[in-house]
Amino acid sequence: MKTLLLAATLAAASLLSSCSQDPQSANGPAIALHTTSAGGSTSAHPAVTYNSSTGNGGNLRKTIAVMDSDGTHQTNIYTAGSGSESEKFPTWSADGGSISWLKNNSVAAIDLSVNSSGVPVGSNQRTIATGTSSISIVSQAWSTVSTTGKVIFIGWFGGTGSTLYAVSTSGGTWTTLAGTPDLGNGDGMWFESATWSPDDSKIAISQHVSTSIGDRIMIFDLSTGTFTDSISLVSGYTVMPSNEPLTWSHSGMNEIAFHAFNPNSNSSTAQLFYVTPSNGSTPSTNSIVAGTSAWSSNNSSILFTVSGALKKVVPYSTSITTVLSSFAGATYGMDWKH
């Protein structure tokens, strides 16, 4: 049944593809790329944003970059200004014209365009929210619907729990959405990462809990202001830390992809799991070892990193293709345009 539903979903989604999404990908319309007056090279069609290791000494957390979905036109659009600055977890705005990310203890944003030579260019770099001496921002995500106009982020309070916040994409006062307390006796409960549903009505949060309770994914309903669903991980598995964010599928599908591993094994063997976000759902996996991942704009594939390569898998399958055999990026977050 899931296979038939997936096929129908992908067929419908392919009809909605547009030039602004990913014209150079097999998932977009078959149109020719125009040539430029500066030598006839093709223009970039950035579909994916990620954190890159190029620039600033090759540090894996020093650059925010974009590329086409086939791995071409890799371009740094923001590079850390100092050795102590860290760049992680980039996400696209709903209209694909901006990117937000975690810059040290703040949520930053930058606008993106393609210049007359076909090169992606960042401009208007700004700060949306800044943490405090007692609040460490560890995850962020731009809303998927333009009219929502919000960025969500998670603030950690050390051993006293964490809180999910929302703020306007233009900055301003934070809104507290939900918090989780410290459990005492050394047992903690922390939000790790958060992702919006395709219609922005819900937010999924990975929650690292004490071993006596077990890690889980919680679904927060914006209309009620409460957690309505709890999804336990497969027995014996724990969620990856916040450098492996949850990823909710784009419009046309209702699935969450995430990474989990058995703590008795090496975390580099983390597997890609899928789950329908409803109470009591059971995650499934095809045992694909994967790192950071991102759904394609029509949900027909998932980009992921593994062992220094960039690969693509058909959801729920073991059908994998190698996009780039060597890829120095996406160690801390990757996002595909909506």
C-alpha atoms as a PDB file:
ATOM      1  CA  MET A   1       0.000   0.000   0.000  1.00  0.00           C
ATOM      2  CA  LYS A   2       2.822   2.401   0.867  1.00  0.00           C
ATOM      3  CA  THR A   3       4.451   1.712  -2.517  1.00  0.00           C
ATOM      4  CA  LEU A   4       1.238   2.583  -4.382  1.00  0.00           C
ATOM      5  CA  LEU A   5       0.771   5.728  -2.302  1.00  0.00           C
ATOM      6  CA  LEU A   6       4.346   6.786  -2.958  1.00  0.00           C
ATOM      7  CA  ALA A   7       3.963   6.287  -6.718  1.00  0.00           C
ATOM      8  CA  ALA A   8       0.795   8.361  -6.806  1.00  0.00           C
ATOM      9  CA  THR A   9       2.379  11.076  -4.700  1.00  0.00           C
ATOM     10  CA  LEU A  10       5.441  11.330  -6.916  1.00  0.00           C
ATOM     11  CA  ALA A  11       3.365  11.463 -10.084  1.00  0.00           C
ATOM     12  CA  ALA A  12       1.330  14.353  -8.700  1.00  0.00           C
ATOM     13  CA  ALA A  13       4.392  16.149  -7.397  1.00  0.00           C
ATOM     14  CA  SER A  14       6.189  15.965 -10.741  1.00  0.00           C
ATOM     15  CA  LEU A  15       3.388  17.993 -12.325  1.00  0.00           C
ATOM     16  CA  LEU A  16       4.060  20.795  -9.856  1.00  0.00           C
ATOM     17  CA  SER A  17       7.764  21.149 -10.567  1.00  0.00           C
ATOM     18  CA  SER A  18       8.848  24.595 -11.724  1.00  0.00           C
ATOM     19  CA  CYS A  19      11.951  26.301 -12.964  1.00  0.00           C
ATOM     20  CA  SER A  20      12.556  27.926  -9.616  1.00  0.00           C
ATOM     21  CA  GLN A  21      12.793  24.537  -7.930  1.00  0.00           C
ATOM     22  CA  ASP A  22      15.444  22.600  -9.780  1.00  0.00           C
ATOM     23  CA  PRO A  23      15.514  22.865 -13.586  1.00  0.00           C
ATOM     24  CA  GLN A  24      18.874  21.097 -13.850  1.00  0.00           C
ATOM     25  CA  SER A  25      17.687  18.047 -11.930  1.00  0.00           C
ATOM     26  CA  ALA A  26      15.906  15.041 -13.391  1.00  0.00           C
ATOM     27  CA  ASN A  27      13.145  15.980 -10.967  1.00  0.00           C
ATOM     28  CA  GLY A  28      12.501  19.281 -12.751  1.00  0.00           C
ATOM     29  CA  PRO A  29      11.196  20.147 -16.234  1.00  0.00           C
ATOM     30  CA  ALA A  30      13.391  19.271 -19.224  1.00  0.00           C
ATOM     31  CA  ILE A  31      14.460  22.766 -20.268  1.00  0.00           C
ATOM     32  CA  ALA A  32      17.757  23.912 -21.679  1.00  0.00           C
ATOM     33  CA  LEU A  33      19.994  26.019 -19.488  1.00  0.00           C
ATOM     34  CA  HIS A  34      20.784  29.375 -21.015  1.00  0.00           C
ATOM     35  CA  THR A  35      24.349  30.400 -21.794  1.00  0.00           C
ATOM     36  CA  THR A  36      25.960  33.542 -20.508  1.00  0.00           C
ATOM     37  CA  SER A  37      27.665  36.343 -22.358  1.00  0.00           C
ATOM     38  CA  ALA A  38      30.779  35.751 -20.266  1.00  0.00           C
ATOM     39  CA  GLY A  39      32.048  32.697 -22.081  1.00  0.00           C
ATOM     40  CA  GLY A  40      29.012  30.533 -22.745  1.00  0.00           C
ATOM     41  CA  SER A  41      29.044  28.591 -19.471  1.00  0.00           C
ATOM     42  CA  THR A  42      25.750  27.428 -18.035  1.00  0.00           C
ATOM     43  CA  SER A  43      24.194  29.264 -15.132  1.00  0.00           C
ATOM     44  CA  ALA A  44      23.819  27.808 -11.689  1.00  0.00           C
ATOM     45  CA  HIS A  45      20.409  26.662 -10.521  1.00  0.00           C
ATOM     46  CA  PRO A  46      21.068  26.272  -6.786  1.00  0.00           C
ATOM     47  CA  ALA A  47      18.652  23.750  -5.328  1.00  0.00           C
ATOM     48  CA  VAL A  48      20.611  22.591  -2.289  1.00  0.00           C
ATOM     49  CA  THR A  49      22.185  24.538   0.561  1.00  0.00           C
ATOM     50  CA  TYR A  50      24.693  22.975   2.913  1.00  0.00           C
ATOM     51  CA  ASN A  51      27.586  23.769   5.213  1.00  0.00           C
ATOM     52  CA  SER A  52      30.885  23.392   3.419  1.00  0.00           C
ATOM     53  CA  SER A  53      34.452  22.606   4.408  1.00  0.00           C
ATOM     54  CA  THR A  54      35.968  24.743   1.672  1.00  0.00           C
ATOM     55  CA  GLY A  55      37.460  28.068   2.651  1.00  0.00           C
ATOM     56  CA  ASN A  56      38.799  29.291   5.974  1.00  0.00           C
ATOM     57  CA  GLY A  57      41.300  26.498   6.468  1.00  0.00           C
ATOM     58  CA  GLY A  58      38.970  23.690   5.418  1.00  0.00           C
ATOM     59  CA  ASN A  59      37.118  23.651   8.742  1.00  0.00           C
ATOM     60  CA  LEU A  60      33.898  21.673   8.311  1.00  0.00           C
ATOM     61  CA  ARG A  61      31.828  24.344  10.008  1.00  0.00           C
ATOM     62  CA  LYS A  62      33.128  27.488   8.356  1.00  0.00           C
ATOM     63  CA  THR A  63      31.100  28.037   5.188  1.00  0.00           C
ATOM     64  CA  ILE A  64      27.497  28.145   3.978  1.00  0.00           C
ATOM     65  CA  ALA A  65      27.276  27.052   0.343  1.00  0.00           C
ATOM     66  CA  VAL A  66      24.817  26.191  -2.428  1.00  0.00           C
ATOM     67  CA  MET A  67      24.907  23.831  -5.406  1.00  0.00           C
ATOM     68  CA  ASP A  68      22.723  22.299  -8.087  1.00  0.00           C
ATOM     69  CA  SER A  69      21.145  18.996  -7.119  1.00  0.00           C
ATOM     70  CA  ASP A  70      23.604  17.112  -9.319  1.00  0.00           C
ATOM     71  CA  GLY A  71      26.514  18.513  -7.292  1.00  0.00           C
ATOM     72  CA  THR A  72      27.604  21.102  -9.851  1.00  0.00           C
ATOM     73  CA  HIS A  73      28.122  24.850  -9.349  1.00  0.00           C
ATOM     74  CA  GLN A  74      29.231  24.500  -5.737  1.00  0.00           C
ATOM     75  CA  THR A  75      29.513  28.073  -4.484  1.00  0.00           C
ATOM     76  CA  ASN A  76      30.281  29.504  -1.068  1.00  0.00           C
ATOM     77  CA  ILE A  77      27.889  32.337  -0.264  1.00  0.00           C
ATOM     78  CA  TYR A  78      29.037  33.021   3.285  1.00  0.00           C
ATOM     79  CA  THR A  79      32.362  32.249   4.956  1.00  0.00           C
ATOM     80  CA  ALA A  80      33.147  32.686   8.637  1.00  0.00           C
ATOM     81  CA  GLY A  81      34.985  35.872   9.428  1.00  0.00           C
ATOM     82  CA  SER A  82      37.130  34.337  12.165  1.00  0.00           C
ATOM     83  CA  GLY A  83      38.486  31.011  13.351  1.00  0.00           C
ATOM     84  CA  SER A  84      36.045  30.941  16.264  1.00  0.00           C
ATOM     85  CA  GLU A  85      32.944  31.384  14.105  1.00  0.00           C
ATOM     86  CA  SER A  86      30.850  28.306  13.288  1.00  0.00           C
ATOM     87  CA  GLU A  87      28.266  27.881  10.489  1.00  0.00           C
ATOM     88  CA  LYS A  88      25.724  25.034  10.652  1.00  0.00           C
ATOM     89  CA  PHE A  89      22.231  23.799   9.704  1.00  0.00           C
ATOM     90  CA  PRO A  90      21.218  25.957   6.702  1.00  0.00           C
ATOM     91  CA  THR A  91      17.575  25.925   5.546  1.00  0.00           C
ATOM     92  CA  TRP A  92      15.832  27.603   2.601  1.00  0.00           C
ATOM     93  CA  SER A  93      13.155  30.227   2.923  1.00  0.00           C
ATOM     94  CA  ALA A  94       9.759  29.288   1.524  1.00  0.00           C
ATOM     95  CA  ASP A  95      10.320  31.304  -1.669  1.00  0.00           C
ATOM     96  CA  GLY A  96      13.856  30.011  -2.185  1.00  0.00           C
ATOM     97  CA  GLY A  97      15.301  33.508  -2.120  1.00  0.00           C
ATOM     98  CA  SER A  98      16.987  33.370   1.280  1.00  0.00           C
ATOM     99  CA  ILE A  99      18.801  30.981   3.589  1.00  0.00           C
ATOM    100  CA  SER A 100      18.907  30.918   7.377  1.00  0.00           C
ATOM    101  CA  TRP A 101      21.469  29.044   9.430  1.00  0.00           C
ATOM    102  CA  LEU A 102      23.057  28.715  12.849  1.00  0.00           C
ATOM    103  CA  LYS A 103      25.993  31.108  13.215  1.00  0.00           C
ATOM    104  CA  ASN A 104      27.662  30.432  16.556  1.00  0.00           C
ATOM    105  CA  ASN A 105      24.942  31.228  19.103  1.00  0.00           C
ATOM    106  CA  SER A 106      22.650  33.088  16.714  1.00  0.00           C
ATOM    107  CA  VAL A 107      20.291  32.513  13.790  1.00  0.00           C
ATOM    108  CA  ALA A 108      21.598  34.304  10.704  1.00  0.00           C
ATOM    109  CA  ALA A 109      20.106  34.812   7.243  1.00  0.00           C
ATOM    110  CA  ILE A 110      21.286  35.842   3.804  1.00  0.00           C
ATOM    111  CA  ASP A 111      19.533  36.557   0.503  1.00  0.00           C
ATOM    112  CA  LEU A 112      20.545  34.631  -2.602  1.00  0.00           C
ATOM    113  CA  SER A 113      20.493  35.549  -6.281  1.00  0.00           C
ATOM    114  CA  VAL A 114      22.272  34.473  -9.481  1.00  0.00           C
ATOM    115  CA  ASN A 115      24.245  37.260 -11.148  1.00  0.00           C
ATOM    116  CA  SER A 116      24.538  38.031 -14.871  1.00  0.00           C
ATOM    117  CA  SER A 117      27.441  35.570 -15.155  1.00  0.00           C
ATOM    118  CA  GLY A 118      25.319  32.773 -13.747  1.00  0.00           C
ATOM    119  CA  VAL A 119      27.064  32.688 -10.364  1.00  0.00           C
ATOM    120  CA  PRO A 120      25.134  32.443  -7.055  1.00  0.00           C
ATOM    121  CA  VAL A 121      25.683  35.531  -4.898  1.00  0.00           C
ATOM    122  CA  GLY A 122      24.752  36.163  -1.275  1.00  0.00           C
ATOM    123  CA  SER A 123      23.701  39.599  -0.008  1.00  0.00           C
ATOM    124  CA  ASN A 124      22.048  41.311   2.938  1.00  0.00           C
ATOM    125  CA  GLN A 125      23.566  39.025   5.569  1.00  0.00           C
ATOM    126  CA  ARG A 126      21.763  39.654   8.868  1.00  0.00           C
ATOM    127  CA  THR A 127      20.957  38.274  12.321  1.00  0.00           C
ATOM    128  CA  ILE A 128      17.445  37.083  13.158  1.00  0.00           C
ATOM    129  CA  ALA A 129      17.961  35.954  16.772  1.00  0.00           C
ATOM    130  CA  THR A 130      20.880  35.852  19.194  1.00  0.00           C
ATOM    131  CA  GLY A 131      21.248  33.504  22.148  1.00  0.00           C
ATOM    132  CA  THR A 132      22.364  34.573  25.601  1.00  0.00           C
ATOM    133  CA  SER A 133      24.925  33.487  28.156  1.00  0.00           C
ATOM    134  CA  SER A 134      22.327  31.030  29.493  1.00  0.00           C
ATOM    135  CA  ILE A 135      20.618  30.018  26.228  1.00  0.00           C
ATOM    136  CA  SER A 136      22.568  28.110  23.569  1.00  0.00           C
ATOM    137  CA  ILE A 137      20.814  27.904  20.201  1.00  0.00           C
ATOM    138  CA  VAL A 138      21.392  24.422  18.752  1.00  0.00           C
ATOM    139  CA  SER A 139      18.966  24.033  15.836  1.00  0.00           C
ATOM    140  CA  GLN A 140      16.913  26.232  13.497  1.00  0.00           C
ATOM    141  CA  ALA A 141      14.536  25.947  10.525  1.00  0.00           C
ATOM    142  CA  TRP A 142      12.782  28.465   8.248  1.00  0.00           C
ATOM    143  CA  SER A 143       9.034  27.888   7.786  1.00  0.00           C
ATOM    144  CA  THR A 144       7.956  26.147   4.584  1.00  0.00           C
ATOM    145  CA  VAL A 145       5.012  28.437   3.722  1.00  0.00           C
ATOM    146  CA  SER A 146       5.689  32.069   2.805  1.00  0.00           C
ATOM    147  CA  THR A 147       2.745  33.470   4.758  1.00  0.00           C
ATOM    148  CA  THR A 148       3.991  31.866   7.987  1.00  0.00           C
ATOM    149  CA  GLY A 149       7.101  34.038   7.996  1.00  0.00           C
ATOM    150  CA  LYS A 150       8.745  32.371  11.012  1.00  0.00           C
ATOM    151  CA  VAL A 151      11.981  30.688  11.982  1.00  0.00           C
ATOM    152  CA  ILE A 152      11.904  28.094  14.746  1.00  0.00           C
ATOM    153  CA  PHE A 153      14.927  27.340  16.891  1.00  0.00           C
ATOM    154  CA  ILE A 154      15.846  25.338  19.960  1.00  0.00           C
ATOM    155  CA  GLY A 155      17.524  26.881  22.978  1.00  0.00           C
ATOM    156  CA  TRP A 156      19.423  24.711  25.441  1.00  0.00           C
ATOM    157  CA  PHE A 157      19.687  25.621  29.124  1.00  0.00           C
ATOM    158  CA  GLY A 158      22.506  23.281  30.069  1.00  0.00           C
ATOM    159  CA  GLY A 159      21.227  20.759  32.604  1.00  0.00           C
ATOM    160  CA  THR A 160      17.833  22.432  32.990  1.00  0.00           C
ATOM    161  CA  GLY A 161      16.202  21.372  29.756  1.00  0.00           C
ATOM    162  CA  SER A 162      15.459  23.151  26.490  1.00  0.00           C
ATOM    163  CA  THR A 163      12.819  25.269  24.781  1.00  0.00           C
ATOM    164  CA  LEU A 164      11.362  25.544  21.286  1.00  0.00           C
ATOM    165  CA  TYR A 165      11.057  29.157  20.140  1.00  0.00           C
ATOM    166  CA  ALA A 166       9.697  30.962  17.083  1.00  0.00           C
ATOM    167  CA  VAL A 167      10.661  34.378  15.759  1.00  0.00           C
ATOM    168  CA  SER A 168       9.713  36.439  12.723  1.00  0.00           C
ATOM    169  CA  THR A 169      12.030  36.012   9.742  1.00  0.00           C
ATOM    170  CA  SER A 170      12.747  39.715  10.126  1.00  0.00           C
ATOM    171  CA  GLY A 171      13.761  39.256  13.770  1.00  0.00           C
ATOM    172  CA  GLY A 172      12.143  40.653  16.887  1.00  0.00           C
ATOM    173  CA  THR A 173      10.636  39.159  20.030  1.00  0.00           C
ATOM    174  CA  TRP A 174      10.875  35.405  20.534  1.00  0.00           C
ATOM    175  CA  THR A 175       7.701  33.386  21.078  1.00  0.00           C
ATOM    176  CA  THR A 176       7.973  30.396  23.404  1.00  0.00           C
ATOM    177  CA  LEU A 177       6.225  27.397  21.865  1.00  0.00           C
ATOM    178  CA  ALA A 178       7.172  24.519  24.164  1.00  0.00           C
ATOM    179  CA  GLY A 179       9.703  23.579  26.782  1.00  0.00           C
ATOM    180  CA  THR A 180      11.042  20.430  28.402  1.00  0.00           C
ATOM    181  CA  PRO A 181      12.370  20.251  31.959  1.00  0.00           C
ATOM    182  CA  ASP A 182      15.342  18.553  33.494  1.00  0.00           C
ATOM    183  CA  LEU A 183      14.309  15.172  34.915  1.00  0.00           C
ATOM    184  CA  GLY A 184      16.684  15.248  37.860  1.00  0.00           C
ATOM    185  CA  ASN A 185      19.118  12.614  39.104  1.00  0.00           C
ATOM    186  CA  GLY A 186      21.323  13.172  36.085  1.00  0.00           C
ATOM    187  CA  ASP A 187      18.605  12.139  33.645  1.00  0.00           C
ATOM    188  CA  GLY A 188      18.096  14.839  31.059  1.00  0.00           C
ATOM    189  CA  MET A 189      15.488  15.563  28.434  1.00  0.00           C
ATOM    190  CA  TRP A 190      16.624  17.772  25.577  1.00  0.00           C
ATOM    191  CA  PHE A 191      15.225  18.821  22.246  1.00  0.00           C
ATOM    192  CA  GLU A 192      17.828  18.101  19.567  1.00  0.00           C
ATOM    193  CA  SER A 193      16.429  19.337  16.238  1.00  0.00           C
ATOM    194  CA  ALA A 194      13.148  20.581  14.776  1.00  0.00           C
ATOM    195  CA  THR A 195      11.488  20.592  11.343  1.00  0.00           C
ATOM    196  CA  TRP A 196       8.254  22.072   9.974  1.00  0.00           C
ATOM    197  CA  SER A 197       5.473  20.006   8.401  1.00  0.00           C
ATOM    198  CA  PRO A 198       4.818  20.798   4.699  1.00  0.00           C
ATOM    199  CA  ASP A 199       1.908  23.110   5.594  1.00  0.00           C
ATOM    200  CA  ASP A 200       3.527  24.622   8.739  1.00  0.00           C
ATOM    201  CA  SER A 201       0.690  23.362  10.935  1.00  0.00           C
ATOM    202  CA  LYS A 202       3.014  21.137  12.970  1.00  0.00           C
ATOM    203  CA  ILE A 203       6.614  20.858  14.096  1.00  0.00           C
ATOM    204  CA  ALA A 204       8.498  17.615  14.642  1.00  0.00           C
ATOM    205  CA  ILE A 205      11.183  17.566  17.333  1.00  0.00           C
ATOM    206  CA  SER A 206      13.755  14.901  18.079  1.00  0.00           C
ATOM    207  CA  GLN A 207      14.014  14.506  21.822  1.00  0.00           C
ATOM    208  CA  HIS A 208      16.913  12.905  23.624  1.00  0.00           C
ATOM    209  CA  VAL A 209      15.607  11.461  26.858  1.00  0.00           C
ATOM    210  CA  SER A 210      17.013   9.388  29.701  1.00  0.00           C
ATOM    211  CA  THR A 211      17.729   5.777  28.840  1.00  0.00           C
ATOM    212  CA  SER A 212      14.921   4.627  31.123  1.00  0.00           C
ATOM    213  CA  ILE A 213      12.382   6.355  28.865  1.00  0.00           C
ATOM    214  CA  GLY A 214      14.056   6.221  25.483  1.00  0.00           C
ATOM    215  CA  ASP A 215      14.567   8.746  22.724  1.00  0.00           C
ATOM    216  CA  ARG A 216      11.548   9.779  20.705  1.00  0.00           C
ATOM    217  CA  ILE A 217      10.122  12.140  18.119  1.00  0.00           C
ATOM    218  CA  MET A 218       7.433  14.527  19.345  1.00  0.00           C
ATOM    219  CA  ILE A 219       4.894  16.296  17.108  1.00  0.00           C
ATOM    220  CA  PHE A 220       3.879  19.798  18.202  1.00  0.00           C
ATOM    221  CA  ASP A 221       0.558  21.171  16.929  1.00  0.00           C
ATOM    222  CA  LEU A 222       0.640  24.938  16.325  1.00  0.00           C
ATOM    223  CA  SER A 223      -3.155  25.284  16.521  1.00  0.00           C
ATOM    224  CA  THR A 224      -3.420  23.757  19.993  1.00  0.00           C
ATOM    225  CA  GLY A 225       0.010  24.677  21.328  1.00  0.00           C
ATOM    226  CA  THR A 226       0.524  21.120  22.580  1.00  0.00           C
ATOM    227  CA  PHE A 227       2.398  17.949  21.719  1.00  0.00           C
ATOM    228  CA  THR A 228      -0.164  15.655  20.134  1.00  0.00           C
ATOM    229  CA  ASP A 229       1.950  12.706  19.005  1.00  0.00           C
ATOM    230  CA  SER A 230       4.850  10.705  20.404  1.00  0.00           C
ATOM    231  CA  ILE A 231       6.889   8.325  18.277  1.00  0.00           C
ATOM    232  CA  SER A 232       9.309   5.945  19.945  1.00  0.00           C
ATOM    233  CA  LEU A 233      12.428   4.849  18.135  1.00  0.00           C
ATOM    234  CA  VAL A 234      13.169   1.258  17.259  1.00  0.00           C
ATOM    235  CA  SER A 235      14.238  -0.567  20.403  1.00  0.00           C
ATOM    236  CA  GLY A 236      17.933  -0.210  21.075  1.00  0.00           C
ATOM    237  CA  TYR A 237      18.393   2.887  18.879  1.00  0.00           C
ATOM    238  CA  THR A 238      18.998   6.487  19.844  1.00  0.00           C
ATOM    239  CA  VAL A 239      18.535   9.672  17.826  1.00  0.00           C
ATOM    240  CA  MET A 240      21.628  11.186  16.327  1.00  0.00           C
ATOM    241  CA  PRO A 241      22.726  14.440  17.951  1.00  0.00           C
ATOM    242  CA  SER A 242      21.704  17.801  16.549  1.00  0.00           C
ATOM    243  CA  ASN A 243      24.254  17.629  13.728  1.00  0.00           C
ATOM    244  CA  GLU A 244      21.854  15.164  12.032  1.00  0.00           C
ATOM    245  CA  PRO A 245      18.568  17.115  11.837  1.00  0.00           C
ATOM    246  CA  LEU A 246      15.127  15.640  11.260  1.00  0.00           C
ATOM    247  CA  THR A 247      13.807  16.255   7.744  1.00  0.00           C
ATOM    248  CA  TRP A 248      10.071  16.378   7.001  1.00  0.00           C
ATOM    249  CA  SER A 249       9.110  15.645   3.391  1.00  0.00           C
ATOM    250  CA  HIS A 250       7.898  18.482   1.160  1.00  0.00           C
ATOM    251  CA  SER A 251       4.317  19.184   0.094  1.00  0.00           C
ATOM    252  CA  GLY A 252       2.578  16.122  -1.341  1.00  0.00           C
ATOM    253  CA  MET A 253       3.883  13.646   1.218  1.00  0.00           C
ATOM    254  CA  ASN A 254       3.745  13.241   4.980  1.00  0.00           C
ATOM    255  CA  GLU A 255       6.892  11.404   6.065  1.00  0.00           C
ATOM    256  CA  ILE A 256       9.856  12.236   8.283  1.00  0.00           C
ATOM    257  CA  ALA A 257      13.372  10.987   7.620  1.00  0.00           C
ATOM    258  CA  PHE A 258      15.889  10.827  10.455  1.00  0.00           C
ATOM    259  CA  HIS A 259      19.062   9.087  11.532  1.00  0.00           C
ATOM    260  CA  ALA A 260      19.472   6.754  14.462  1.00  0.00           C
ATOM    261  CA  PHE A 261      22.132   4.368  15.666  1.00  0.00           C
ATOM    262  CA  ASN A 262      22.692   1.677  18.231  1.00  0.00           C
ATOM    263  CA  PRO A 263      24.774   3.264  21.013  1.00  0.00           C
ATOM    264  CA  ASN A 264      26.639  -0.029  21.386  1.00  0.00           C
ATOM    265  CA  SER A 265      28.049   0.470  17.883  1.00  0.00           C
ATOM    266  CA  ASN A 266      29.920   3.297  16.184  1.00  0.00           C
ATOM    267  CA  SER A 267      27.748   6.345  15.439  1.00  0.00           C
ATOM    268  CA  SER A 268      29.183   6.344  11.909  1.00  0.00           C
ATOM    269  CA  THR A 269      26.907   3.372  11.244  1.00  0.00           C
ATOM    270  CA  ALA A 270      23.772   5.464  11.783  1.00  0.00           C
ATOM    271  CA  GLN A 271      20.920   4.316   9.559  1.00  0.00           C
ATOM    272  CA  LEU A 272      18.324   6.316   7.652  1.00  0.00           C
ATOM    273  CA  PHE A 273      14.853   5.776   9.109  1.00  0.00           C
ATOM    274  CA  TYR A 274      11.385   6.805   7.908  1.00  0.00           C
ATOM    275  CA  VAL A 275       8.241   7.341   9.921  1.00  0.00           C
ATOM    276  CA  THR A 276       4.708   8.613   9.342  1.00  0.00           C
ATOM    277  CA  PRO A 277       4.245  11.368  11.948  1.00  0.00           C
ATOM    278  CA  SER A 278       1.272  10.066  13.905  1.00  0.00           C
ATOM    279  CA  ASN A 279       1.022   8.828  17.441  1.00  0.00           C
ATOM    280  CA  GLY A 280       2.541   5.407  17.995  1.00  0.00           C
ATOM    281  CA  SER A 281       3.927   5.011  14.478  1.00  0.00           C
ATOM    282  CA  THR A 282       6.819   2.597  14.105  1.00  0.00           C
ATOM    283  CA  PRO A 283       9.892   3.822  12.193  1.00  0.00           C
ATOM    284  CA  SER A 284      11.233   1.630   9.397  1.00  0.00           C
ATOM    285  CA  THR A 285      14.613   1.367   7.708  1.00  0.00           C
ATOM    286  CA  ASN A 286      16.277  -0.363   4.787  1.00  0.00           C
ATOM    287  CA  SER A 287      19.569  -0.255   6.694  1.00  0.00           C
ATOM    288  CA  ILE A 288      21.035   2.531   4.560  1.00  0.00           C
ATOM    289  CA  VAL A 289      24.032   3.985   6.395  1.00  0.00           C
ATOM    290  CA  ALA A 290      23.694   7.741   5.982  1.00  0.00           C
ATOM    291  CA  GLY A 291      24.608  11.086   7.452  1.00  0.00           C
ATOM    292  CA  THR A 292      22.918  14.426   6.839  1.00  0.00           C
ATOM    293  CA  SER A 293      19.980  14.121   4.435  1.00  0.00           C
ATOM    294  CA  ALA A 294      17.520  16.244   2.455  1.00  0.00           C
ATOM    295  CA  TRP A 295      14.294  15.447   0.587  1.00  0.00           C
ATOM    296  CA  SER A 296      14.099  16.435  -3.086  1.00  0.00           C
ATOM    297  CA  SER A 297      11.528  19.076  -3.995  1.00  0.00           C
ATOM    298  CA  ASN A 298       9.045  16.443  -5.201  1.00  0.00           C
ATOM    299  CA  ASN A 299       9.993  13.795  -2.615  1.00  0.00           C
ATOM    300  CA  SER A 300      11.215  11.325  -5.231  1.00  0.00           C
ATOM    301  CA  SER A 301      14.684  11.072  -3.709  1.00  0.00           C
ATOM    302  CA  ILE A 302      16.758  11.894  -0.658  1.00  0.00           C
ATOM    303  CA  LEU A 303      20.269  13.283  -0.867  1.00  0.00           C
ATOM    304  CA  PHE A 304      22.564  12.069   1.878  1.00  0.00           C
ATOM    305  CA  THR A 305      26.198  12.045   2.855  1.00  0.00           C
ATOM    306  CA  VAL A 306      28.225   8.989   3.775  1.00  0.00           C
ATOM    307  CA  SER A 307      31.974   8.366   4.032  1.00  0.00           C
ATOM    308  CA  GLY A 308      32.883  11.618   2.295  1.00  0.00           C
ATOM    309  CA  ALA A 309      30.516  11.070  -0.656  1.00  0.00           C
ATOM    310  CA  LEU A 310      27.200  12.584  -1.708  1.00  0.00           C
ATOM    311  CA  LYS A 311      24.594  10.006  -2.681  1.00  0.00           C
ATOM    312  CA  LYS A 312      20.908   9.784  -3.518  1.00  0.00           C
ATOM    313  CA  VAL A 313      18.380   7.134  -2.539  1.00  0.00           C
ATOM    314  CA  VAL A 314      14.806   6.483  -3.616  1.00  0.00           C
ATOM    315  CA  PRO A 315      12.755   6.718  -0.382  1.00  0.00           C
ATOM    316  CA  TYR A 316      11.941   3.395   1.307  1.00  0.00           C
ATOM    317  CA  SER A 317      14.304   1.527  -1.007  1.00  0.00           C
ATOM    318  CA  THR A 318      17.934   0.528  -1.407  1.00  0.00           C
ATOM    319  CA  SER A 319      18.142   2.131  -4.856  1.00  0.00           C
ATOM    320  CA  ILE A 320      21.212   4.340  -4.428  1.00  0.00           C
ATOM    321  CA  THR A 321      23.165   6.402  -6.932  1.00  0.00           C
ATOM    322  CA  THR A 322      26.394   8.287  -6.296  1.00  0.00           C
ATOM    323  CA  VAL A 323      26.125  11.999  -7.046  1.00  0.00           C
ATOM    324  CA  LEU A 324      29.691  12.894  -6.009  1.00  0.00           C
ATOM    325  CA  SER A 325      32.293  10.363  -4.948  1.00  0.00           C
ATOM    326  CA  SER A 326      34.105  13.088  -3.026  1.00  0.00           C
ATOM    327  CA  PHE A 327      32.093  15.750  -1.239  1.00  0.00           C
ATOM    328  CA  ALA A 328      33.519  18.044   1.429  1.00  0.00           C
ATOM    329  CA  GLY A 329      30.296  19.357   2.859  1.00  0.00           C
ATOM    330  CA  ALA A 330      26.940  18.864   4.584  1.00  0.00           C
ATOM    331  CA  THR A 331      28.494  17.533   7.767  1.00  0.00           C
ATOM    332  CA  TYR A 332      26.220  19.871   9.699  1.00  0.00           C
ATOM    333  CA  GLY A 333      23.040  20.238   7.723  1.00  0.00           C
ATOM    334  CA  MET A 334      21.679  20.235   4.174  1.00  0.00           C
ATOM    335  CA  ASP A 335      18.364  21.418   2.725  1.00  0.00           C
ATOM    336  CA  TRP A 336      16.719  21.121  -0.709  1.00  0.00           C
ATOM    337  CA  LYS A 337      14.421  23.878  -1.996  1.00  0.00           C
ATOM    338  CA  HIS A 338      10.713  23.378  -1.497  1.00  0.00           C
END
